[in-house]
Amino acid sequence: MGKADADGPGLPDLPPEWGRVVVPNDASALADEAEQVRRELRRRVAAQPRRWRPPAVPVLVLVVAVVATIAGLITVTWPRPGRYPGPAASTPDPAPGQLTGRGLPALDLVDAGQSPVPLRGLLPALVLLVDGCACPDRVAEAAAAAPDGVTVVTVAAGSPGAAPPGTDVRALADPAGGLRAFLHLPARPDTVTALLADREGRIVLVVPEVATIAEYHAELVRLAG
């Protein structure tokens, strides 16, 4: 049987609005009330909306590191067009017509005594490359057609050849092959290449393989102007 109410001895002062309070001798007598209270508390907790809690800072750092690593791997391994370029295309050699108007290179040729002779010091000039063929007839007709003031030059590969008798042809050599390399025209057997340059050093005409003097005669006459 429970003790007396709040007015009895030994109990603290309780709020009067609580009414009559009975304290049982056996705590198990309050089991039903305790279960009711627990159910009410669970109901209130379930009714409250759950709020998202941000993860701890170390977890965020780990997630960012993993994402950055994966993105780097994808960037490196993802196939891209042009990633493995094929062999570089070679630049085509300029055609003889494309050399017209370009400046003559500042090359030094050599005479019979192996003394250097600046090519640009002979302007205006008709240069005949005779490293593929001495062709004295071609040289002689060029010397006969050249007007006064125009130098006719023959250029051999190793040592200068002999100038045709009775002409003012300058016989020189280009051991380094610089002039052929500039023209991108290899020497061919039994052929002569003609190069005409004015007094300013500009290339007027290039004839890769001279067949007749008519191919450059008009330009040769104009060099004296």
Protein backbone atom coordinates (compact mmCIF):
# COMPACT_ATOMS: atom_id res chain seq x y z
CA MET A 1 0.00 0.00 0.00
CA GLY A 2 1.37 3.37 -0.79
CA LYS A 3 2.29 6.11 1.55
CA ALA A 4 0.20 9.13 2.29
CA ASP A 5 0.03 12.02 -0.06
CA ALA A 6 2.18 15.14 -0.22
CA ASP A 7 0.89 16.31 3.15
CA GLY A 8 2.46 13.36 4.90
CA PRO A 9 5.75 13.59 6.72
CA GLY A 10 9.06 12.98 4.96
CA LEU A 11 8.09 14.25 1.48
CA PRO A 12 9.39 17.47 -0.07
CA ASP A 13 7.06 20.26 -0.91
CA LEU A 14 5.42 19.57 -4.26
CA PRO A 15 3.54 21.99 -6.49
CA PRO A 16 -0.10 22.14 -5.48
CA GLU A 17 -1.20 21.79 -9.14
CA TRP A 18 0.14 18.24 -9.11
CA GLY A 19 -2.76 17.30 -6.88
CA ARG A 20 -2.69 14.22 -4.74
CA VAL A 21 0.53 12.21 -5.15
CA VAL A 22 0.68 8.59 -3.99
CA VAL A 23 4.11 6.92 -3.76
CA PRO A 24 3.79 3.12 -3.90
CA ASN A 25 5.96 0.85 -1.79
CA ASP A 26 6.70 -1.38 -4.84
CA ALA A 27 8.17 0.39 -7.92
CA SER A 28 6.73 -2.28 -10.21
CA ALA A 29 3.37 -0.75 -9.60
CA LEU A 30 4.41 2.11 -11.84
CA ALA A 31 5.32 -0.16 -14.77
CA ASP A 32 2.22 0.72 -16.77
CA GLU A 33 2.78 4.46 -16.34
CA ALA A 34 6.48 4.09 -17.25
CA GLU A 35 5.64 2.19 -20.42
CA GLN A 36 3.10 4.85 -21.35
CA VAL A 37 5.72 7.57 -20.88
CA ARG A 38 8.24 5.67 -23.03
CA ARG A 39 5.69 5.25 -25.81
CA GLU A 40 4.95 8.96 -25.72
CA LEU A 41 8.66 9.81 -25.92
CA ARG A 42 9.19 7.43 -28.87
CA ARG A 43 6.22 8.93 -30.65
CA ARG A 44 7.59 12.45 -30.26
CA VAL A 45 11.04 11.42 -31.47
CA ALA A 46 9.60 9.70 -34.54
CA ALA A 47 7.48 12.73 -35.34
CA GLN A 48 10.47 15.06 -35.37
CA PRO A 49 12.04 15.57 -38.89
CA ARG A 50 15.51 14.16 -39.21
CA ARG A 51 18.14 16.72 -40.05
CA TRP A 52 21.22 15.88 -42.18
CA ARG A 53 24.47 16.19 -40.33
CA PRO A 54 27.52 17.09 -42.41
CA PRO A 55 30.33 14.55 -42.31
CA ALA A 56 33.41 15.29 -40.36
CA VAL A 57 36.22 17.32 -42.01
CA PRO A 58 38.62 14.35 -42.48
CA VAL A 59 35.94 12.47 -44.42
CA LEU A 60 35.42 15.45 -46.74
CA VAL A 61 39.15 15.73 -47.37
CA LEU A 62 39.33 12.03 -48.23
CA VAL A 63 36.39 12.27 -50.63
CA VAL A 64 37.91 15.29 -52.42
CA ALA A 65 41.27 13.51 -52.77
CA VAL A 66 39.64 10.41 -54.26
CA VAL A 67 37.59 12.45 -56.75
CA ALA A 68 40.66 14.45 -57.82
CA THR A 69 42.67 11.26 -58.36
CA ILE A 70 39.95 9.66 -60.48
CA ALA A 71 39.57 12.83 -62.57
CA GLY A 72 43.33 12.92 -63.18
CA LEU A 73 43.39 9.31 -64.32
CA ILE A 74 40.49 9.89 -66.70
CA THR A 75 42.21 12.96 -68.18
CA VAL A 76 45.45 11.08 -68.78
CA THR A 77 43.97 7.90 -70.23
CA TRP A 78 41.05 9.35 -72.22
CA PRO A 79 41.79 9.03 -75.95
CA ARG A 80 41.97 12.34 -77.74
CA PRO A 81 42.22 13.01 -81.49
CA GLY A 82 45.69 14.03 -82.50
CA ARG A 83 47.22 12.63 -79.30
CA TYR A 84 49.57 10.42 -81.29
CA PRO A 85 50.51 12.43 -84.35
CA GLY A 86 51.78 10.60 -87.35
CA PRO A 87 55.00 11.42 -89.10
CA ALA A 88 55.41 15.10 -89.85
CA ALA A 89 54.62 16.02 -93.41
CA SER A 90 57.68 17.16 -95.28
CA THR A 91 57.65 20.66 -96.73
CA PRO A 92 57.64 20.47 -100.52
CA ASP A 93 60.60 22.01 -102.26
CA PRO A 94 59.88 25.36 -103.91
CA ALA A 95 59.23 25.23 -107.63
CA PRO A 96 61.59 27.25 -109.85
CA GLY A 97 58.81 29.78 -110.47
CA GLN A 98 58.46 30.34 -106.72
CA LEU A 99 62.09 31.45 -106.51
CA THR A 100 61.46 34.42 -108.79
CA GLY A 101 61.76 37.66 -106.86
CA ARG A 102 63.66 36.10 -103.97
CA GLY A 103 67.06 37.37 -102.98
CA LEU A 104 70.18 35.57 -104.12
CA PRO A 105 71.98 33.99 -101.14
CA ALA A 106 75.24 35.54 -100.00
CA LEU A 107 77.41 32.60 -101.07
CA ASP A 108 81.14 32.53 -101.60
CA LEU A 109 82.29 30.50 -104.57
CA VAL A 110 85.93 29.65 -105.28
CA ASP A 111 88.11 30.27 -108.33
CA ALA A 112 90.89 28.10 -109.74
CA GLY A 113 93.24 29.26 -106.98
CA GLN A 114 90.67 28.35 -104.29
CA SER A 115 90.19 32.02 -103.45
CA PRO A 116 86.69 32.98 -102.34
CA VAL A 117 84.57 34.95 -104.80
CA PRO A 118 81.30 36.45 -103.44
CA LEU A 119 78.46 35.52 -105.75
CA ARG A 120 76.61 38.77 -105.09
CA GLY A 121 79.68 40.69 -106.20
CA LEU A 122 79.16 39.50 -109.78
CA LEU A 123 75.70 41.01 -110.33
CA PRO A 124 73.87 41.27 -112.62
CA ALA A 125 74.72 37.76 -113.66
CA LEU A 126 73.76 34.70 -115.63
CA VAL A 127 74.84 31.73 -113.54
CA LEU A 128 75.16 28.38 -115.32
CA LEU A 129 75.42 25.35 -113.03
CA VAL A 130 77.56 22.91 -114.97
CA ASP A 131 78.08 20.28 -112.27
CA GLY A 132 75.97 17.84 -114.31
CA CYS A 133 77.48 18.66 -117.68
CA ALA A 134 80.33 20.91 -118.79
CA CYS A 135 78.37 21.55 -122.01
CA PRO A 136 80.81 24.05 -123.57
CA ASP A 137 78.42 24.77 -126.43
CA ARG A 138 75.69 25.94 -124.05
CA VAL A 139 78.21 28.12 -122.20
CA ALA A 140 79.61 29.62 -125.38
CA GLU A 141 76.20 30.60 -126.78
CA ALA A 142 75.23 32.15 -123.43
CA ALA A 143 78.45 34.21 -123.38
CA ALA A 144 77.82 35.38 -126.97
CA ALA A 145 74.25 36.46 -126.15
CA ALA A 146 75.02 38.23 -122.85
CA PRO A 147 74.86 42.05 -123.14
CA ASP A 148 77.61 44.29 -121.80
CA GLY A 149 77.59 44.62 -118.04
CA VAL A 150 76.14 41.13 -117.43
CA THR A 151 78.54 38.56 -115.98
CA VAL A 152 78.31 34.98 -117.22
CA VAL A 153 79.41 32.57 -114.47
CA THR A 154 79.85 28.82 -114.64
CA VAL A 155 79.63 26.91 -111.35
CA ALA A 156 81.09 23.42 -111.11
CA ALA A 157 80.91 21.06 -108.14
CA GLY A 158 84.52 20.33 -107.27
CA SER A 159 87.01 22.56 -109.07
CA PRO A 160 86.29 25.24 -111.68
CA GLY A 161 86.19 24.06 -115.28
CA ALA A 162 87.86 25.82 -118.19
CA ALA A 163 86.05 28.76 -119.72
CA PRO A 164 85.35 28.54 -123.47
CA PRO A 165 88.14 30.22 -125.46
CA GLY A 166 87.53 33.82 -126.49
CA THR A 167 84.90 34.49 -123.78
CA ASP A 168 84.80 36.46 -120.51
CA VAL A 169 83.09 33.66 -118.61
CA ARG A 170 84.00 33.45 -114.92
CA ALA A 171 84.65 29.78 -114.14
CA LEU A 172 84.03 29.12 -110.46
CA ALA A 173 83.17 26.19 -108.21
CA ASP A 174 80.82 25.50 -105.31
CA PRO A 175 82.41 22.61 -103.36
CA ALA A 176 79.85 22.89 -100.54
CA GLY A 177 76.88 22.70 -102.92
CA GLY A 178 75.24 25.74 -101.33
CA LEU A 179 73.72 27.07 -104.54
CA ARG A 180 72.14 23.73 -105.48
CA ALA A 181 70.79 23.39 -101.96
CA PHE A 182 69.26 26.86 -102.17
CA LEU A 183 67.57 26.06 -105.47
CA HIS A 184 66.46 22.57 -104.36
CA LEU A 185 67.48 21.34 -107.80
CA PRO A 186 69.78 18.30 -107.90
CA ALA A 187 72.35 18.05 -110.68
CA ARG A 188 71.28 15.87 -113.61
CA PRO A 189 73.58 14.28 -116.18
CA ASP A 190 73.94 16.12 -119.47
CA THR A 191 71.94 19.13 -118.28
CA VAL A 192 72.74 22.73 -117.38
CA THR A 193 70.73 24.83 -114.93
CA ALA A 194 70.48 28.57 -115.57
CA LEU A 195 69.93 31.25 -112.89
CA LEU A 196 69.48 34.92 -113.74
CA ALA A 197 69.77 37.62 -111.06
CA ASP A 198 69.55 41.41 -111.46
CA ARG A 199 71.90 43.98 -110.03
CA GLU A 200 69.80 44.19 -106.82
CA GLY A 201 70.36 40.50 -106.18
CA ARG A 202 66.79 39.45 -106.98
CA ILE A 203 66.29 36.22 -108.88
CA VAL A 204 64.70 36.95 -112.27
CA LEU A 205 64.45 33.45 -113.69
CA VAL A 206 65.45 29.84 -112.98
CA VAL A 207 65.61 27.28 -115.79
CA PRO A 208 66.18 23.81 -114.25
CA GLU A 209 67.24 22.15 -117.51
CA VAL A 210 68.31 24.39 -120.37
CA ALA A 211 67.37 23.02 -123.78
CA THR A 212 67.90 26.20 -125.80
CA ILE A 213 69.00 29.78 -125.10
CA ALA A 214 65.55 30.96 -126.16
CA GLU A 215 64.26 29.84 -122.74
CA TYR A 216 66.00 32.75 -121.03
CA HIS A 217 67.26 35.09 -123.78
CA ALA A 218 64.66 37.82 -123.20
CA GLU A 219 65.37 37.97 -119.46
CA LEU A 220 69.12 37.94 -120.14
CA VAL A 221 68.84 41.05 -122.33
CA ARG A 222 66.75 42.86 -119.70
CA LEU A 223 69.43 42.30 -117.04
CA ALA A 224 71.53 45.04 -118.64
CA GLY A 225 68.75 47.62 -118.18
